[in-house]
PDB file of all heavy atoms in Angstrom:
ATOM      1  N   VAL A   1     298.093  77.486 115.753  1.00  0.00           N
ATOM      2  CA  VAL A   1     299.337  77.399 116.588  1.00  0.00           C
ATOM      3  C   VAL A   1     300.131  76.002 116.293  1.00  0.00           C
ATOM      4  O   VAL A   1     301.380  76.037 116.238  1.00  0.00           O
ATOM      5  CB  VAL A   1     298.837  77.381 118.066  1.00  0.00           C
ATOM      6  CG1 VAL A   1     299.961  77.185 119.012  1.00  0.00           C
ATOM      7  CG2 VAL A   1     298.230  78.759 118.414  1.00  0.00           C
ATOM      8  N   ARG A   2     299.312  74.964 116.135  1.00  0.00           N
ATOM      9  CA  ARG A   2     300.055  73.759 116.004  1.00  0.00           C
ATOM     10  C   ARG A   2     300.824  73.656 114.641  1.00  0.00           C
ATOM     11  O   ARG A   2     302.071  73.257 114.708  1.00  0.00           O
ATOM     12  CB  ARG A   2     299.024  72.564 115.995  1.00  0.00           C
ATOM     13  CG  ARG A   2     299.671  71.160 115.869  1.00  0.00           C
ATOM     14  CD  ARG A   2     298.689  70.064 116.044  1.00  0.00           C
ATOM     15  NE  ARG A   2     297.574  70.072 115.018  1.00  0.00           N
ATOM     16  CZ  ARG A   2     296.339  70.514 115.188  1.00  0.00           C
ATOM     17  NH1 ARG A   2     295.970  70.864 116.513  1.00  0.00           N
ATOM     18  NH2 ARG A   2     295.388  70.436 114.365  1.00  0.00           N
ATOM     19  N   GLU A   3     300.275  74.140 113.576  1.00  0.00           N
ATOM     20  CA  GLU A   3     300.921  74.188 112.312  1.00  0.00           C
ATOM     21  C   GLU A   3     302.107  75.269 112.258  1.00  0.00           C
ATOM     22  O   GLU A   3     303.154  74.848 111.676  1.00  0.00           O
ATOM     23  CB  GLU A   3     300.037  74.433 111.221  1.00  0.00           C
ATOM     24  CG  GLU A   3     298.968  73.363 110.982  1.00  0.00           C
ATOM     25  CD  GLU A   3     299.587  72.001 110.740  1.00  0.00           C
ATOM     26  OE1 GLU A   3     300.602  71.949 109.979  1.00  0.00           O
ATOM     27  OE2 GLU A   3     299.132  71.110 111.336  1.00  0.00           O
ATOM     28  N   ARG A   4     301.926  76.243 113.008  1.00  0.00           N
ATOM     29  CA  ARG A   4     303.017  77.256 113.117  1.00  0.00           C
ATOM     30  C   ARG A   4     304.336  76.612 113.714  1.00  0.00           C
ATOM     31  O   ARG A   4     305.382  76.755 113.307  1.00  0.00           O
ATOM     32  CB  ARG A   4     302.515  78.410 113.946  1.00  0.00           C
ATOM     33  CG  ARG A   4     303.565  79.511 114.109  1.00  0.00           C
ATOM     34  CD  ARG A   4     303.703  80.350 112.980  1.00  0.00           C
ATOM     35  NE  ARG A   4     304.663  81.509 113.254  1.00  0.00           N
ATOM     36  CZ  ARG A   4     304.210  82.697 113.737  1.00  0.00           C
ATOM     37  NH1 ARG A   4     302.994  82.934 114.038  1.00  0.00           N
ATOM     38  NH2 ARG A   4     305.107  83.625 114.007  1.00  0.00           N
ATOM     39  N   LEU A   5     304.026  75.906 114.866  1.00  0.00           N
ATOM     40  CA  LEU A   5     305.129  75.285 115.645  1.00  0.00           C
ATOM     41  C   LEU A   5     305.774  74.142 114.738  1.00  0.00           C
ATOM     42  O   LEU A   5     306.919  73.876 114.761  1.00  0.00           O
ATOM     43  CB  LEU A   5     304.640  74.776 116.930  1.00  0.00           C
ATOM     44  CG  LEU A   5     304.470  75.835 117.950  1.00  0.00           C
ATOM     45  CD1 LEU A   5     303.892  75.192 119.281  1.00  0.00           C
ATOM     46  CD2 LEU A   5     305.723  76.563 118.313  1.00  0.00           C
ATOM     47  N   ARG A   6     304.863  73.255 114.047  1.00  0.00           N
ATOM     48  CA  ARG A   6     305.427  72.252 113.280  1.00  0.00           C
ATOM     49  C   ARG A   6     306.270  72.655 112.099  1.00  0.00           C
ATOM     50  O   ARG A   6     307.149  71.977 111.623  1.00  0.00           O
ATOM     51  CB  ARG A   6     304.281  71.330 112.833  1.00  0.00           C
ATOM     52  CG  ARG A   6     303.597  70.432 113.949  1.00  0.00           C
ATOM     53  CD  ARG A   6     302.599  69.620 113.391  1.00  0.00           C
ATOM     54  NE  ARG A   6     302.100  68.607 114.349  1.00  0.00           N
ATOM     55  CZ  ARG A   6     301.350  67.542 113.988  1.00  0.00           C
ATOM     56  NH1 ARG A   6     300.885  67.325 112.807  1.00  0.00           N
ATOM     57  NH2 ARG A   6     301.063  66.639 115.041  1.00  0.00           N
ATOM     58  N   THR A   7     305.939  73.874 111.601  1.00  0.00           N
ATOM     59  CA  THR A   7     306.660  74.491 110.369  1.00  0.00           C
ATOM     60  C   THR A   7     307.974  74.945 110.877  1.00  0.00           C
ATOM     61  O   THR A   7     309.068  74.776 110.244  1.00  0.00           O
ATOM     62  CB  THR A   7     305.932  75.601 109.857  1.00  0.00           C
ATOM     63  OG1 THR A   7     304.679  75.228 109.428  1.00  0.00           O
ATOM     64  CG2 THR A   7     306.709  76.285 108.691  1.00  0.00           C
ATOM     65  N   GLU A   8     308.063  75.366 112.202  1.00  0.00           N
ATOM     66  CA  GLU A   8     309.333  76.022 112.679  1.00  0.00           C
ATOM     67  C   GLU A   8     310.300  74.938 113.206  1.00  0.00           C
ATOM     68  O   GLU A   8     311.397  75.039 113.219  1.00  0.00           O
ATOM     69  CB  GLU A   8     309.038  76.923 113.902  1.00  0.00           C
ATOM     70  CG  GLU A   8     308.254  78.131 113.440  1.00  0.00           C
ATOM     71  CD  GLU A   8     307.854  78.938 114.706  1.00  0.00           C
ATOM     72  OE1 GLU A   8     308.193  78.541 115.846  1.00  0.00           O
ATOM     73  OE2 GLU A   8     307.337  80.093 114.517  1.00  0.00           O
ATOM     74  N   LEU A   9     309.736  73.646 113.570  1.00  0.00           N
ATOM     75  CA  LEU A   9     310.473  72.650 114.249  1.00  0.00           C
ATOM     76  C   LEU A   9     310.678  71.532 113.092  1.00  0.00           C
ATOM     77  O   LEU A   9     309.700  70.962 112.616  1.00  0.00           O
ATOM     78  CB  LEU A   9     309.948  72.056 115.430  1.00  0.00           C
ATOM     79  CG  LEU A   9     309.752  73.166 116.590  1.00  0.00           C
ATOM     80  CD1 LEU A   9     308.942  72.376 117.684  1.00  0.00           C
ATOM     81  CD2 LEU A   9     311.120  73.530 117.017  1.00  0.00           C
ATOM     82  N   SER A  10     311.886  71.218 112.690  1.00  0.00           N
ATOM     83  CA  SER A  10     312.084  70.222 111.744  1.00  0.00           C
ATOM     84  C   SER A  10     312.259  68.835 112.432  1.00  0.00           C
ATOM     85  O   SER A  10     312.140  67.776 111.923  1.00  0.00           O
ATOM     86  CB  SER A  10     313.352  70.481 110.994  1.00  0.00           C
ATOM     87  OG  SER A  10     314.495  70.529 111.795  1.00  0.00           O
ATOM     88  N   GLY A  11     312.611  68.858 113.773  1.00  0.00           N
ATOM     89  CA  GLY A  11     312.683  67.618 114.542  1.00  0.00           C
ATOM     90  C   GLY A  11     312.659  67.847 116.097  1.00  0.00           C
ATOM     91  O   GLY A  11     312.975  68.957 116.419  1.00  0.00           O
ATOM     92  N   VAL A  12     312.248  66.792 116.784  1.00  0.00           N
ATOM     93  CA  VAL A  12     312.230  66.868 118.317  1.00  0.00           C
ATOM     94  C   VAL A  12     312.901  65.743 118.845  1.00  0.00           C
ATOM     95  O   VAL A  12     312.640  64.562 118.484  1.00  0.00           O
ATOM     96  CB  VAL A  12     310.708  66.988 118.665  1.00  0.00           C
ATOM     97  CG1 VAL A  12     310.691  67.007 120.249  1.00  0.00           C
ATOM     98  CG2 VAL A  12     309.977  68.150 118.152  1.00  0.00           C
ATOM     99  N   LEU A  13     313.723  65.996 119.770  1.00  0.00           N
ATOM    100  CA  LEU A  13     314.514  64.954 120.532  1.00  0.00           C
ATOM    101  C   LEU A  13     314.160  64.968 121.993  1.00  0.00           C
ATOM    102  O   LEU A  13     314.089  66.082 122.519  1.00  0.00           O
ATOM    103  CB  LEU A  13     316.037  65.110 120.373  1.00  0.00           C
ATOM    104  CG  LEU A  13     316.517  65.122 119.005  1.00  0.00           C
ATOM    105  CD1 LEU A  13     318.005  65.523 118.932  1.00  0.00           C
ATOM    106  CD2 LEU A  13     316.279  63.867 118.123  1.00  0.00           C
ATOM    107  N   VAL A  14     313.911  63.940 122.556  1.00  0.00           N
ATOM    108  CA  VAL A  14     313.502  63.881 123.946  1.00  0.00           C
ATOM    109  C   VAL A  14     314.358  63.018 124.892  1.00  0.00           C
ATOM    110  O   VAL A  14     314.563  61.914 124.507  1.00  0.00           O
ATOM    111  CB  VAL A  14     312.033  63.441 124.157  1.00  0.00           C
ATOM    112  CG1 VAL A  14     311.556  63.589 125.696  1.00  0.00           C
ATOM    113  CG2 VAL A  14     311.042  64.248 123.309  1.00  0.00           C
ATOM    114  N   ASP A  15     314.886  63.649 125.941  1.00  0.00           N
ATOM    115  CA  ASP A  15     315.859  62.805 126.789  1.00  0.00           C
ATOM    116  C   ASP A  15     314.922  62.392 128.076  1.00  0.00           C
ATOM    117  O   ASP A  15     314.036  63.002 128.474  1.00  0.00           O
ATOM    118  CB  ASP A  15     316.915  63.729 127.352  1.00  0.00           C
ATOM    119  CG  ASP A  15     317.977  62.912 128.022  1.00  0.00           C
ATOM    120  OD1 ASP A  15     318.011  61.626 127.964  1.00  0.00           O
ATOM    121  OD2 ASP A  15     318.856  63.554 128.636  1.00  0.00           O
ATOM    122  N   GLU A  16     315.263  61.143 128.609  1.00  0.00           N
ATOM    123  CA  GLU A  16     314.649  60.617 129.770  1.00  0.00           C
ATOM    124  C   GLU A  16     313.159  60.535 129.530  1.00  0.00           C
ATOM    125  O   GLU A  16     312.246  60.978 130.382  1.00  0.00           O
ATOM    126  CB  GLU A  16     314.949  61.395 130.990  1.00  0.00           C
ATOM    127  CG  GLU A  16     316.379  61.666 131.310  1.00  0.00           C
ATOM    128  CD  GLU A  16     317.109  60.318 131.696  1.00  0.00           C
ATOM    129  OE1 GLU A  16     316.473  59.360 131.777  1.00  0.00           O
ATOM    130  OE2 GLU A  16     318.331  60.479 131.793  1.00  0.00           O
ATOM    131  N   TYR A  17     312.711  59.827 128.445  1.00  0.00           N
ATOM    132  CA  TYR A  17     311.267  59.810 128.130  1.00  0.00           C
ATOM    133  C   TYR A  17     310.518  58.983 129.141  1.00  0.00           C
ATOM    134  O   TYR A  17     309.274  59.259 129.284  1.00  0.00           O
ATOM    135  CB  TYR A  17     311.127  59.141 126.715  1.00  0.00           C
ATOM    136  CG  TYR A  17     309.729  59.158 126.278  1.00  0.00           C
ATOM    137  CD1 TYR A  17     309.152  60.316 125.707  1.00  0.00           C
ATOM    138  CD2 TYR A  17     308.938  57.965 126.361  1.00  0.00           C
ATOM    139  CE1 TYR A  17     307.856  60.285 125.271  1.00  0.00           C
ATOM    140  CE2 TYR A  17     307.630  57.959 125.878  1.00  0.00           C
ATOM    141  CZ  TYR A  17     307.132  59.082 125.260  1.00  0.00           C
ATOM    142  OH  TYR A  17     305.873  59.089 124.843  1.00  0.00           O
ATOM    143  N   GLN A  18     311.120  58.138 129.956  1.00  0.00           N
ATOM    144  CA  GLN A  18     310.408  57.294 130.875  1.00  0.00           C
ATOM    145  C   GLN A  18     309.833  58.165 132.051  1.00  0.00           C
ATOM    146  O   GLN A  18     308.986  57.713 132.785  1.00  0.00           O
ATOM    147  CB  GLN A  18     311.262  56.209 131.522  1.00  0.00           C
ATOM    148  CG  GLN A  18     312.271  56.663 132.538  1.00  0.00           C
ATOM    149  CD  GLN A  18     313.551  57.180 131.810  1.00  0.00           C
ATOM    150  OE1 GLN A  18     313.606  57.138 130.611  1.00  0.00           O
ATOM    151  NE2 GLN A  18     314.403  57.693 132.677  1.00  0.00           N
ATOM    152  N   ASP A  19     310.281  59.355 132.127  1.00  0.00           N
ATOM    153  CA  ASP A  19     309.817  60.398 133.232  1.00  0.00           C
ATOM    154  C   ASP A  19     308.672  61.339 132.797  1.00  0.00           C
ATOM    155  O   ASP A  19     308.323  62.150 133.523  1.00  0.00           O
ATOM    156  CB  ASP A  19     310.979  61.151 133.721  1.00  0.00           C
ATOM    157  CG  ASP A  19     312.044  60.356 134.459  1.00  0.00           C
ATOM    158  OD1 ASP A  19     311.670  59.420 135.065  1.00  0.00           O
ATOM    159  OD2 ASP A  19     313.272  60.618 134.281  1.00  0.00           O
ATOM    160  N   THR A  20     308.183  61.010 131.651  1.00  0.00           N
ATOM    161  CA  THR A  20     306.925  61.806 131.215  1.00  0.00           C
ATOM    162  C   THR A  20     305.691  61.299 131.840  1.00  0.00           C
ATOM    163  O   THR A  20     305.594  60.159 132.180  1.00  0.00           O
ATOM    164  CB  THR A  20     306.823  61.716 129.658  1.00  0.00           C
ATOM    165  OG1 THR A  20     306.725  60.298 129.286  1.00  0.00           O
ATOM    166  CG2 THR A  20     307.960  62.319 128.954  1.00  0.00           C
ATOM    167  N   ASP A  21     304.747  62.365 131.999  1.00  0.00           N
ATOM    168  CA  ASP A  21     303.375  61.920 132.481  1.00  0.00           C
ATOM    169  C   ASP A  21     302.369  61.996 131.364  1.00  0.00           C
ATOM    170  O   ASP A  21     302.814  62.439 130.197  1.00  0.00           O
ATOM    171  CB  ASP A  21     302.989  62.836 133.640  1.00  0.00           C
ATOM    172  CG  ASP A  21     302.978  64.346 133.213  1.00  0.00           C
ATOM    173  OD1 ASP A  21     302.518  64.616 132.052  1.00  0.00           O
ATOM    174  OD2 ASP A  21     303.269  65.243 134.049  1.00  0.00           O
ATOM    175  N   PRO A  22     301.131  61.482 131.530  1.00  0.00           N
ATOM    176  CA  PRO A  22     300.328  61.592 130.308  1.00  0.00           C
ATOM    177  C   PRO A  22     300.036  62.887 129.649  1.00  0.00           C
ATOM    178  O   PRO A  22     299.925  62.915 128.420  1.00  0.00           O
ATOM    179  CB  PRO A  22     298.933  61.078 131.003  1.00  0.00           C
ATOM    180  CG  PRO A  22     299.386  60.137 132.080  1.00  0.00           C
ATOM    181  CD  PRO A  22     300.647  60.926 132.713  1.00  0.00           C
ATOM    182  N   ALA A  23     300.009  63.944 130.372  1.00  0.00           N
ATOM    183  CA  ALA A  23     299.825  65.337 129.826  1.00  0.00           C
ATOM    184  C   ALA A  23     300.963  65.705 128.964  1.00  0.00           C
ATOM    185  O   ALA A  23     300.756  66.219 127.868  1.00  0.00           O
ATOM    186  CB  ALA A  23     299.569  66.327 130.956  1.00  0.00           C
ATOM    187  N   GLN A  24     302.191  65.362 129.317  1.00  0.00           N
ATOM    188  CA  GLN A  24     303.383  65.645 128.636  1.00  0.00           C
ATOM    189  C   GLN A  24     303.410  64.808 127.296  1.00  0.00           C
ATOM    190  O   GLN A  24     303.881  65.364 126.222  1.00  0.00           O
ATOM    191  CB  GLN A  24     304.626  65.495 129.385  1.00  0.00           C
ATOM    192  CG  GLN A  24     304.668  66.502 130.490  1.00  0.00           C
ATOM    193  CD  GLN A  24     305.779  66.078 131.570  1.00  0.00           C
ATOM    194  OE1 GLN A  24     306.173  64.989 131.602  1.00  0.00           O
ATOM    195  NE2 GLN A  24     306.297  66.972 132.373  1.00  0.00           N
ATOM    196  N   VAL A  25     302.939  63.596 127.349  1.00  0.00           N
ATOM    197  CA  VAL A  25     302.924  62.769 126.114  1.00  0.00           C
ATOM    198  C   VAL A  25     301.855  63.255 125.250  1.00  0.00           C
ATOM    199  O   VAL A  25     302.135  63.331 124.067  1.00  0.00           O
ATOM    200  CB  VAL A  25     302.520  61.255 126.611  1.00  0.00           C
ATOM    201  CG1 VAL A  25     302.187  60.485 125.287  1.00  0.00           C
ATOM    202  CG2 VAL A  25     303.686  60.663 127.376  1.00  0.00           C
ATOM    203  N   GLU A  26     300.734  63.764 125.679  1.00  0.00           N
ATOM    204  CA  GLU A  26     299.766  64.343 124.801  1.00  0.00           C
ATOM    205  C   GLU A  26     300.201  65.599 124.084  1.00  0.00           C
ATOM    206  O   GLU A  26     299.987  65.857 122.960  1.00  0.00           O
ATOM    207  CB  GLU A  26     298.418  64.622 125.608  1.00  0.00           C
ATOM    208  CG  GLU A  26     297.688  63.388 126.036  1.00  0.00           C
ATOM    209  CD  GLU A  26     297.235  62.515 124.807  1.00  0.00           C
ATOM    210  OE1 GLU A  26     296.983  63.110 123.699  1.00  0.00           O
ATOM    211  OE2 GLU A  26     297.352  61.358 124.901  1.00  0.00           O
ATOM    212  N   LEU A  27     301.028  66.372 124.855  1.00  0.00           N
ATOM    213  CA  LEU A  27     301.624  67.596 124.360  1.00  0.00           C
ATOM    214  C   LEU A  27     302.565  67.356 123.268  1.00  0.00           C
ATOM    215  O   LEU A  27     302.553  67.936 122.204  1.00  0.00           O
ATOM    216  CB  LEU A  27     302.301  68.337 125.449  1.00  0.00           C
ATOM    217  CG  LEU A  27     303.072  69.536 125.052  1.00  0.00           C
ATOM    218  CD1 LEU A  27     302.284  70.733 124.683  1.00  0.00           C
ATOM    219  CD2 LEU A  27     304.066  69.979 126.267  1.00  0.00           C
ATOM    220  N   LEU A  28     303.380  66.285 123.559  1.00  0.00           N
ATOM    221  CA  LEU A  28     304.368  65.854 122.643  1.00  0.00           C
ATOM    222  C   LEU A  28     303.722  65.292 121.234  1.00  0.00           C
ATOM    223  O   LEU A  28     304.215  65.495 120.091  1.00  0.00           O
ATOM    224  CB  LEU A  28     305.287  64.838 123.216  1.00  0.00           C
ATOM    225  CG  LEU A  28     306.616  64.469 122.348  1.00  0.00           C
ATOM    226  CD1 LEU A  28     307.404  65.704 122.367  1.00  0.00           C
ATOM    227  CD2 LEU A  28     307.341  63.358 123.130  1.00  0.00           C
ATOM    228  N   HIS A  29     302.563  64.563 121.380  1.00  0.00           N
ATOM    229  CA  HIS A  29     301.933  64.072 120.223  1.00  0.00           C
ATOM    230  C   HIS A  29     301.331  65.217 119.418  1.00  0.00           C
ATOM    231  O   HIS A  29     301.462  65.113 118.255  1.00  0.00           O
ATOM    232  CB  HIS A  29     300.848  63.121 120.757  1.00  0.00           C
ATOM    233  CG  HIS A  29     300.323  62.417 119.708  1.00  0.00           C
ATOM    234  ND1 HIS A  29     299.182  62.794 118.891  1.00  0.00           N
ATOM    235  CD2 HIS A  29     300.622  61.111 119.036  1.00  0.00           C
ATOM    236  CE1 HIS A  29     298.808  61.922 117.971  1.00  0.00           C
ATOM    237  NE2 HIS A  29     299.655  60.949 118.026  1.00  0.00           N
ATOM    238  N   SER A  30     300.802  66.167 120.088  1.00  0.00           N
ATOM    239  CA  SER A  30     300.219  67.353 119.303  1.00  0.00           C
ATOM    240  C   SER A  30     301.423  68.122 118.590  1.00  0.00           C
ATOM    241  O   SER A  30     301.203  68.562 117.423  1.00  0.00           O
ATOM    242  CB  SER A  30     299.687  68.297 120.256  1.00  0.00           C
ATOM    243  OG  SER A  30     298.476  67.706 120.798  1.00  0.00           O
ATOM    244  N   LEU A  31     302.584  68.097 119.198  1.00  0.00           N
ATOM    245  CA  LEU A  31     303.793  68.812 118.634  1.00  0.00           C
ATOM    246  C   LEU A  31     304.515  68.139 117.585  1.00  0.00           C
ATOM    247  O   LEU A  31     304.881  68.667 116.576  1.00  0.00           O
ATOM    248  CB  LEU A  31     304.748  69.189 119.822  1.00  0.00           C
ATOM    249  CG  LEU A  31     305.859  70.065 119.416  1.00  0.00           C
ATOM    250  CD1 LEU A  31     305.405  71.378 119.121  1.00  0.00           C
ATOM    251  CD2 LEU A  31     306.823  70.154 120.639  1.00  0.00           C
ATOM    252  N   ALA A  32     304.662  66.763 117.786  1.00  0.00           N
ATOM    253  CA  ALA A  32     305.475  65.986 116.861  1.00  0.00           C
ATOM    254  C   ALA A  32     304.836  64.669 116.482  1.00  0.00           C
ATOM    255  O   ALA A  32     305.714  63.608 116.177  1.00  0.00           O
ATOM    256  CB  ALA A  32     306.822  65.779 117.473  1.00  0.00           C
ATOM    257  N   GLY A  33     303.610  64.476 116.460  1.00  0.00           N
ATOM    258  CA  GLY A  33     302.977  63.242 116.181  1.00  0.00           C
ATOM    259  C   GLY A  33     302.788  63.095 114.738  1.00  0.00           C
ATOM    260  O   GLY A  33     303.409  63.820 113.906  1.00  0.00           O
ATOM    261  N   ASP A  34     301.900  62.168 114.209  1.00  0.00           N
ATOM    262  CA  ASP A  34     301.677  62.005 112.796  1.00  0.00           C
ATOM    263  C   ASP A  34     302.808  61.559 111.974  1.00  0.00           C
ATOM    264  O   ASP A  34     303.068  62.007 110.853  1.00  0.00           O
ATOM    265  CB  ASP A  34     300.926  63.255 112.214  1.00  0.00           C
ATOM    266  CG  ASP A  34     299.758  63.656 112.958  1.00  0.00           C
ATOM    267  OD1 ASP A  34     298.997  62.739 113.571  1.00  0.00           O
ATOM    268  OD2 ASP A  34     299.474  64.825 113.189  1.00  0.00           O
ATOM    269  N   GLY A  35     303.676  60.874 112.624  1.00  0.00           N
ATOM    270  CA  GLY A  35     304.889  60.387 111.817  1.00  0.00           C
ATOM    271  C   GLY A  35     306.003  61.268 111.578  1.00  0.00           C
ATOM    272  O   GLY A  35     306.868  61.140 110.801  1.00  0.00           O
TER     273      GLY A  35
END
């Protein structure tokens, strides 16, 4: 699932990042982490 989404998404932009909670940050790291 992770590699399928990473292949489909070339970039991720996030607005109002200060309003994220720990779960959303972990989700974002799985989706667009690793540089």
